[in-house]
């Protein structure tokens, strides 16, 4: 699990920048006990969102930094 000190957007950006060249797993909470898991690599970091590309696929997904802070997504290294 990605450990983020301070739980601020700047902290999330810094941590994601550190793992930019690594593959990791994102578990996305869809609500009502439904989850999706993706094996991803960071593609770009923007001011409000970050994009990831799925490993072994051309699919790109985007998430906001607040998704990480509010635990809507969990990042496992």
PDB file of N, CA and C in Angstrom:
ATOM      1  N   UNK A   1       0.846  -1.170   0.000  1.00  0.00           N
ATOM      2  CA  UNK A   1       0.000   0.000   0.000  1.00  0.00           C
ATOM      3  C   UNK A   1       0.893   1.236   0.000  1.00  0.00           C
ATOM      4  N   UNK A   2       0.503   2.227  -0.750  1.00  0.00           N
ATOM      5  CA  UNK A   2       1.244   3.475  -0.837  1.00  0.00           C
ATOM      6  C   UNK A   2       1.024   4.271   0.434  1.00  0.00           C
ATOM      7  N   UNK A   3       2.115   4.611   1.120  1.00  0.00           N
ATOM      8  CA  UNK A   3       2.027   5.370   2.357  1.00  0.00           C
ATOM      9  C   UNK A   3       2.219   6.847   2.039  1.00  0.00           C
ATOM     10  N   UNK A   4       1.200   7.648   2.310  1.00  0.00           N
ATOM     11  CA  UNK A   4       1.247   9.073   2.012  1.00  0.00           C
ATOM     12  C   UNK A   4       1.191   9.847   3.312  1.00  0.00           C
ATOM     13  N   UNK A   5       2.275  10.555   3.616  1.00  0.00           N
ATOM     14  CA  UNK A   5       2.339  11.365   4.829  1.00  0.00           C
ATOM     15  C   UNK A   5       1.650  12.700   4.588  1.00  0.00           C
ATOM     16  N   UNK A   6       0.820  13.127   5.506  1.00  0.00           N
ATOM     17  CA  UNK A   6       0.200  14.436   5.437  1.00  0.00           C
ATOM     18  C   UNK A   6      -1.135  14.448   4.724  1.00  0.00           C
ATOM     19  N   UNK A   7      -1.338  13.533   3.811  1.00  0.00           N
ATOM     20  CA  UNK A   7      -2.607  13.413   3.102  1.00  0.00           C
ATOM     21  C   UNK A   7      -3.007  14.711   2.399  1.00  0.00           C
ATOM     22  N   UNK A   8      -2.031  15.355   1.759  1.00  0.00           N
ATOM     23  CA  UNK A   8      -2.300  16.545   0.963  1.00  0.00           C
ATOM     24  C   UNK A   8      -2.030  16.209  -0.496  1.00  0.00           C
ATOM     25  N   UNK A   9      -2.616  16.993  -1.386  1.00  0.00           N
ATOM     26  CA  UNK A   9      -2.454  16.744  -2.818  1.00  0.00           C
ATOM     27  C   UNK A   9      -0.977  16.785  -3.198  1.00  0.00           C
ATOM     28  N   UNK A  10      -0.234  17.726  -2.667  1.00  0.00           N
ATOM     29  CA  UNK A  10       1.196  17.828  -2.991  1.00  0.00           C
ATOM     30  C   UNK A  10       1.954  16.581  -2.549  1.00  0.00           C
ATOM     31  N   UNK A  11       1.541  15.984  -1.426  1.00  0.00           N
ATOM     32  CA  UNK A  11       2.176  14.755  -0.954  1.00  0.00           C
ATOM     33  C   UNK A  11       1.868  13.592  -1.888  1.00  0.00           C
ATOM     34  N   UNK A  12       0.642  13.515  -2.364  1.00  0.00           N
ATOM     35  CA  UNK A  12       0.248  12.452  -3.291  1.00  0.00           C
ATOM     36  C   UNK A  12       1.019  12.594  -4.596  1.00  0.00           C
ATOM     37  N   UNK A  13       1.112  13.811  -5.118  1.00  0.00           N
ATOM     38  CA  UNK A  13       1.862  14.049  -6.360  1.00  0.00           C
ATOM     39  C   UNK A  13       3.319  13.626  -6.205  1.00  0.00           C
ATOM     40  N   UNK A  14       3.921  13.999  -5.091  1.00  0.00           N
ATOM     41  CA  UNK A  14       5.323  13.657  -4.847  1.00  0.00           C
ATOM     42  C   UNK A  14       5.517  12.139  -4.805  1.00  0.00           C
ATOM     43  N   UNK A  15       4.631  11.445  -4.103  1.00  0.00           N
ATOM     44  CA  UNK A  15       4.743   9.983  -3.986  1.00  0.00           C
ATOM     45  C   UNK A  15       4.540   9.305  -5.339  1.00  0.00           C
ATOM     46  N   UNK A  16       3.546   9.783  -6.103  1.00  0.00           N
ATOM     47  CA  UNK A  16       3.300   9.198  -7.415  1.00  0.00           C
ATOM     48  C   UNK A  16       4.457   9.465  -8.362  1.00  0.00           C
ATOM     49  N   UNK A  17       5.093  10.606  -8.239  1.00  0.00           N
ATOM     50  CA  UNK A  17       6.251  10.908  -9.066  1.00  0.00           C
ATOM     51  C   UNK A  17       7.413   9.958  -8.756  1.00  0.00           C
ATOM     52  N   UNK A  18       7.525   9.534  -7.502  1.00  0.00           N
ATOM     53  CA  UNK A  18       8.574   8.599  -7.099  1.00  0.00           C
ATOM     54  C   UNK A  18       8.382   7.213  -7.717  1.00  0.00           C
ATOM     55  N   UNK A  19       7.142   6.814  -7.957  1.00  0.00           N
ATOM     56  CA  UNK A  19       6.874   5.472  -8.501  1.00  0.00           C
ATOM     57  C   UNK A  19       6.520   5.531  -9.987  1.00  0.00           C
ATOM     58  N   UNK A  20       6.885   6.607 -10.640  1.00  0.00           N
ATOM     59  CA  UNK A  20       6.503   6.843 -12.030  1.00  0.00           C
ATOM     60  C   UNK A  20       6.944   5.734 -12.981  1.00  0.00           C
ATOM     61  N   UNK A  21       8.092   5.148 -12.810  1.00  0.00           N
ATOM     62  CA  UNK A  21       8.607   4.137 -13.737  1.00  0.00           C
ATOM     63  C   UNK A  21       8.383   2.706 -13.267  1.00  0.00           C
ATOM     64  N   UNK A  22       7.524   2.515 -12.286  1.00  0.00           N
ATOM     65  CA  UNK A  22       7.273   1.183 -11.742  1.00  0.00           C
ATOM     66  C   UNK A  22       5.857   0.732 -12.056  1.00  0.00           C
ATOM     67  N   UNK A  23       5.690  -0.580 -12.192  1.00  0.00           N
ATOM     68  CA  UNK A  23       4.352  -1.158 -12.326  1.00  0.00           C
ATOM     69  C   UNK A  23       3.769  -1.343 -10.925  1.00  0.00           C
ATOM     70  N   UNK A  24       2.479  -1.068 -10.789  1.00  0.00           N
ATOM     71  CA  UNK A  24       1.802  -1.249  -9.512  1.00  0.00           C
ATOM     72  C   UNK A  24       0.334  -1.560  -9.757  1.00  0.00           C
ATOM     73  N   UNK A  25      -0.380  -1.887  -8.689  1.00  0.00           N
ATOM     74  CA  UNK A  25      -1.790  -2.255  -8.782  1.00  0.00           C
ATOM     75  C   UNK A  25      -2.650  -1.157  -8.174  1.00  0.00           C
ATOM     76  N   UNK A  26      -3.711  -0.812  -8.892  1.00  0.00           N
ATOM     77  CA  UNK A  26      -4.714   0.120  -8.382  1.00  0.00           C
ATOM     78  C   UNK A  26      -5.995  -0.668  -8.164  1.00  0.00           C
ATOM     79  N   UNK A  27      -6.544  -0.554  -6.964  1.00  0.00           N
ATOM     80  CA  UNK A  27      -7.847  -1.148  -6.667  1.00  0.00           C
ATOM     81  C   UNK A  27      -8.837  -0.003  -6.558  1.00  0.00           C
ATOM     82  N   UNK A  28      -9.819   0.018  -7.441  1.00  0.00           N
ATOM     83  CA  UNK A  28     -10.777   1.118  -7.567  1.00  0.00           C
ATOM     84  C   UNK A  28     -12.106   0.695  -6.966  1.00  0.00           C
ATOM     85  N   UNK A  29     -12.588   1.471  -5.984  1.00  0.00           N
ATOM     86  CA  UNK A  29     -13.847   1.181  -5.294  1.00  0.00           C
ATOM     87  C   UNK A  29     -14.999   1.764  -6.102  1.00  0.00           C
ATOM     88  N   UNK A  30     -15.847   0.900  -6.661  1.00  0.00           N
ATOM     89  CA  UNK A  30     -16.996   1.334  -7.448  1.00  0.00           C
ATOM     90  C   UNK A  30     -18.237   1.552  -6.597  1.00  0.00           C
ATOM     91  N   UNK A  31     -18.161   1.193  -5.328  1.00  0.00           N
ATOM     92  CA  UNK A  31     -19.317   1.303  -4.435  1.00  0.00           C
ATOM     93  C   UNK A  31     -20.079  -0.007  -4.373  1.00  0.00           C
ATOM     94  N   UNK A  32     -20.893  -0.139  -3.348  1.00  0.00           N
ATOM     95  CA  UNK A  32     -21.704  -1.352  -3.144  1.00  0.00           C
ATOM     96  C   UNK A  32     -20.881  -2.629  -3.214  1.00  0.00           C
ATOM     97  N   UNK A  33     -19.724  -2.600  -2.564  1.00  0.00           N
ATOM     98  CA  UNK A  33     -18.812  -3.749  -2.492  1.00  0.00           C
ATOM     99  C   UNK A  33     -18.340  -4.238  -3.852  1.00  0.00           C
ATOM    100  N   UNK A  34     -18.222  -3.335  -4.799  1.00  0.00           N
ATOM    101  CA  UNK A  34     -17.706  -3.678  -6.121  1.00  0.00           C
ATOM    102  C   UNK A  34     -16.362  -2.986  -6.303  1.00  0.00           C
ATOM    103  N   UNK A  35     -15.388  -3.762  -6.777  1.00  0.00           N
ATOM    104  CA  UNK A  35     -14.031  -3.251  -6.970  1.00  0.00           C
ATOM    105  C   UNK A  35     -13.514  -3.688  -8.334  1.00  0.00           C
ATOM    106  N   UNK A  36     -12.634  -2.867  -8.886  1.00  0.00           N
ATOM    107  CA  UNK A  36     -11.895  -3.237 -10.091  1.00  0.00           C
ATOM    108  C   UNK A  36     -10.423  -3.112  -9.765  1.00  0.00           C
ATOM    109  N   UNK A  37      -9.635  -4.058 -10.247  1.00  0.00           N
ATOM    110  CA  UNK A  37      -8.191  -4.025 -10.039  1.00  0.00           C
ATOM    111  C   UNK A  37      -7.503  -3.888 -11.384  1.00  0.00           C
ATOM    112  N   UNK A  38      -6.496  -3.022 -11.411  1.00  0.00           N
ATOM    113  CA  UNK A  38      -5.735  -2.803 -12.626  1.00  0.00           C
ATOM    114  C   UNK A  38      -4.242  -2.880 -12.301  1.00  0.00           C
ATOM    115  N   UNK A  39      -3.490  -3.498 -13.183  1.00  0.00           N
ATOM    116  CA  UNK A  39      -2.023  -3.453 -13.108  1.00  0.00           C
ATOM    117  C   UNK A  39      -1.613  -2.334 -14.052  1.00  0.00           C
ATOM    118  N   UNK A  40      -0.981  -1.277 -13.527  1.00  0.00           N
ATOM    119  CA  UNK A  40      -0.777  -0.049 -14.292  1.00  0.00           C
ATOM    120  C   UNK A  40       0.642   0.497 -14.150  1.00  0.00           C
ATOM    121  N   UNK A  41       0.905   1.494 -14.959  1.00  0.00           N
ATOM    122  CA  UNK A  41       2.114   2.308 -14.881  1.00  0.00           C
ATOM    123  C   UNK A  41       1.694   3.750 -15.143  1.00  0.00           C
ATOM    124  N   UNK A  42       2.252   4.694 -14.392  1.00  0.00           N
ATOM    125  CA  UNK A  42       1.886   6.102 -14.547  1.00  0.00           C
ATOM    126  C   UNK A  42       2.330   6.605 -15.905  1.00  0.00           C
ATOM    127  N   UNK A  43       1.404   7.257 -16.588  1.00  0.00           N
ATOM    128  CA  UNK A  43       1.691   7.843 -17.895  1.00  0.00           C
ATOM    129  C   UNK A  43       2.026   9.321 -17.763  1.00  0.00           C
ATOM    130  N   UNK A  44       1.143  10.092 -17.121  1.00  0.00           N
ATOM    131  CA  UNK A  44       1.358  11.530 -16.942  1.00  0.00           C
ATOM    132  C   UNK A  44       0.813  11.991 -15.600  1.00  0.00           C
ATOM    133  N   UNK A  45       1.435  13.014 -15.040  1.00  0.00           N
ATOM    134  CA  UNK A  45       0.946  13.678 -13.833  1.00  0.00           C
ATOM    135  C   UNK A  45       0.559  15.098 -14.218  1.00  0.00           C
ATOM    136  N   UNK A  46      -0.680  15.453 -13.987  1.00  0.00           N
ATOM    137  CA  UNK A  46      -1.186  16.789 -14.289  1.00  0.00           C
ATOM    138  C   UNK A  46      -1.499  17.511 -12.988  1.00  0.00           C
ATOM    139  N   UNK A  47      -1.993  18.735 -13.084  1.00  0.00           N
ATOM    140  CA  UNK A  47      -2.241  19.520 -11.877  1.00  0.00           C
ATOM    141  C   UNK A  47      -3.351  18.945 -11.003  1.00  0.00           C
ATOM    142  N   UNK A  48      -4.411  18.384 -11.600  1.00  0.00           N
ATOM    143  CA  UNK A  48      -5.532  17.869 -10.820  1.00  0.00           C
ATOM    144  C   UNK A  48      -5.749  16.369 -10.942  1.00  0.00           C
ATOM    145  N   UNK A  49      -5.206  15.762 -11.966  1.00  0.00           N
ATOM    146  CA  UNK A  49      -5.398  14.328 -12.212  1.00  0.00           C
ATOM    147  C   UNK A  49      -4.080  13.694 -12.643  1.00  0.00           C
ATOM    148  N   UNK A  50      -4.064  12.369 -12.599  1.00  0.00           N
ATOM    149  CA  UNK A  50      -2.947  11.624 -13.169  1.00  0.00           C
ATOM    150  C   UNK A  50      -3.517  10.531 -14.049  1.00  0.00           C
ATOM    151  N   UNK A  51      -2.779  10.180 -15.086  1.00  0.00           N
ATOM    152  CA  UNK A  51      -3.227   9.133 -15.993  1.00  0.00           C
ATOM    153  C   UNK A  51      -2.303   7.940 -15.854  1.00  0.00           C
ATOM    154  N   UNK A  52      -2.897   6.774 -16.038  1.00  0.00           N
ATOM    155  CA  UNK A  52      -2.146   5.519 -15.989  1.00  0.00           C
ATOM    156  C   UNK A  52      -2.494   4.705 -17.228  1.00  0.00           C
ATOM    157  N   UNK A  53      -1.536   3.925 -17.674  1.00  0.00           N
ATOM    158  CA  UNK A  53      -1.809   3.003 -18.768  1.00  0.00           C
ATOM    159  C   UNK A  53      -1.777   1.597 -18.199  1.00  0.00           C
ATOM    160  N   UNK A  54      -2.716   0.785 -18.617  1.00  0.00           N
ATOM    161  CA  UNK A  54      -2.778  -0.583 -18.151  1.00  0.00           C
ATOM    162  C   UNK A  54      -1.629  -1.373 -18.749  1.00  0.00           C
ATOM    163  N   UNK A  55      -0.997  -2.190 -17.916  1.00  0.00           N
ATOM    164  CA  UNK A  55       0.102  -3.029 -18.367  1.00  0.00           C
ATOM    165  C   UNK A  55      -0.454  -4.025 -19.376  1.00  0.00           C
ATOM    166  N   UNK A  56       0.258  -4.247 -20.468  1.00  0.00           N
ATOM    167  CA  UNK A  56      -0.135  -5.178 -21.532  1.00  0.00           C
ATOM    168  C   UNK A  56      -1.416  -4.743 -22.244  1.00  0.00           C
ATOM    169  N   UNK A  57      -1.681  -3.438 -22.284  1.00  0.00           N
ATOM    170  CA  UNK A  57      -2.860  -2.924 -22.957  1.00  0.00           C
ATOM    171  C   UNK A  57      -2.624  -1.472 -23.340  1.00  0.00           C
ATOM    172  N   UNK A  58      -3.415  -0.971 -24.283  1.00  0.00           N
ATOM    173  CA  UNK A  58      -3.324   0.430 -24.692  1.00  0.00           C
ATOM    174  C   UNK A  58      -4.345   1.296 -23.983  1.00  0.00           C
ATOM    175  N   UNK A  59      -5.055   0.741 -23.024  1.00  0.00           N
ATOM    176  CA  UNK A  59      -6.102   1.469 -22.318  1.00  0.00           C
ATOM    177  C   UNK A  59      -5.473   2.446 -21.330  1.00  0.00           C
ATOM    178  N   UNK A  60      -6.000   3.673 -21.312  1.00  0.00           N
ATOM    179  CA  UNK A  60      -5.540   4.710 -20.399  1.00  0.00           C
ATOM    180  C   UNK A  60      -6.703   5.107 -19.494  1.00  0.00           C
ATOM    181  N   UNK A  61      -6.438   5.192 -18.206  1.00  0.00           N
ATOM    182  CA  UNK A  61      -7.436   5.606 -17.220  1.00  0.00           C
ATOM    183  C   UNK A  61      -6.899   6.826 -16.486  1.00  0.00           C
ATOM    184  N   UNK A  62      -7.810   7.665 -16.008  1.00  0.00           N
ATOM    185  CA  UNK A  62      -7.381   8.830 -15.237  1.00  0.00           C
ATOM    186  C   UNK A  62      -8.057   8.825 -13.869  1.00  0.00           C
ATOM    187  N   UNK A  63      -7.333   9.341 -12.900  1.00  0.00           N
ATOM    188  CA  UNK A  63      -7.814   9.432 -11.529  1.00  0.00           C
ATOM    189  C   UNK A  63      -7.396  10.782 -10.970  1.00  0.00           C
ATOM    190  N   UNK A  64      -8.135  11.280 -10.004  1.00  0.00           N
ATOM    191  CA  UNK A  64      -7.748  12.529  -9.348  1.00  0.00           C
ATOM    192  C   UNK A  64      -6.929  12.199  -8.103  1.00  0.00           C
ATOM    193  N   UNK A  65      -6.163  13.174  -7.667  1.00  0.00           N
ATOM    194  CA  UNK A  65      -5.370  12.986  -6.453  1.00  0.00           C
ATOM    195  C   UNK A  65      -6.282  12.838  -5.239  1.00  0.00           C
ATOM    196  N   UNK A  66      -7.449  13.466  -5.283  1.00  0.00           N
ATOM    197  CA  UNK A  66      -8.386  13.331  -4.163  1.00  0.00           C
ATOM    198  C   UNK A  66      -8.941  11.911  -4.065  1.00  0.00           C
ATOM    199  N   UNK A  67      -8.944  11.167  -5.185  1.00  0.00           N
ATOM    200  CA  UNK A  67      -9.348   9.754  -5.137  1.00  0.00           C
ATOM    201  C   UNK A  67      -8.416   8.964  -4.220  1.00  0.00           C
ATOM    202  N   UNK A  68      -7.142   9.297  -4.238  1.00  0.00           N
ATOM    203  CA  UNK A  68      -6.163   8.633  -3.373  1.00  0.00           C
ATOM    204  C   UNK A  68      -6.366   9.068  -1.928  1.00  0.00           C
ATOM    205  N   UNK A  69      -6.547  10.368  -1.717  1.00  0.00           N
ATOM    206  CA  UNK A  69      -6.697  10.912  -0.365  1.00  0.00           C
ATOM    207  C   UNK A  69      -7.956  10.365   0.313  1.00  0.00           C
ATOM    208  N   UNK A  70      -9.042  10.254  -0.425  1.00  0.00           N
ATOM    209  CA  UNK A  70     -10.304   9.779   0.146  1.00  0.00           C
ATOM    210  C   UNK A  70     -10.442   8.268   0.115  1.00  0.00           C
ATOM    211  N   UNK A  71      -9.396   7.574  -0.316  1.00  0.00           N
ATOM    212  CA  UNK A  71      -9.345   6.106  -0.369  1.00  0.00           C
ATOM    213  C   UNK A  71     -10.352   5.514  -1.339  1.00  0.00           C
ATOM    214  N   UNK A  72     -10.734   6.267  -2.358  1.00  0.00           N
ATOM    215  CA  UNK A  72     -11.560   5.712  -3.421  1.00  0.00           C
ATOM    216  C   UNK A  72     -10.738   4.728  -4.246  1.00  0.00           C
ATOM    217  N   UNK A  73      -9.440   4.995  -4.339  1.00  0.00           N
ATOM    218  CA  UNK A  73      -8.527   4.024  -4.949  1.00  0.00           C
ATOM    219  C   UNK A  73      -7.421   3.714  -3.945  1.00  0.00           C
ATOM    220  N   UNK A  74      -6.952   2.484  -3.991  1.00  0.00           N
ATOM    221  CA  UNK A  74      -5.834   2.030  -3.183  1.00  0.00           C
ATOM    222  C   UNK A  74      -4.709   1.644  -4.131  1.00  0.00           C
ATOM    223  N   UNK A  75      -3.518   2.061  -3.789  1.00  0.00           N
ATOM    224  CA  UNK A  75      -2.358   1.768  -4.617  1.00  0.00           C
ATOM    225  C   UNK A  75      -1.469   0.783  -3.871  1.00  0.00           C
ATOM    226  N   UNK A  76      -1.221  -0.370  -4.505  1.00  0.00           N
ATOM    227  CA  UNK A  76      -0.340  -1.396  -3.946  1.00  0.00           C
ATOM    228  C   UNK A  76       0.881  -1.524  -4.838  1.00  0.00           C
ATOM    229  N   UNK A  77       2.051  -1.356  -4.221  1.00  0.00           N
ATOM    230  CA  UNK A  77       3.304  -1.461  -4.967  1.00  0.00           C
ATOM    231  C   UNK A  77       3.748  -2.896  -5.090  1.00  0.00           C
TER     232      UNK A  77
END
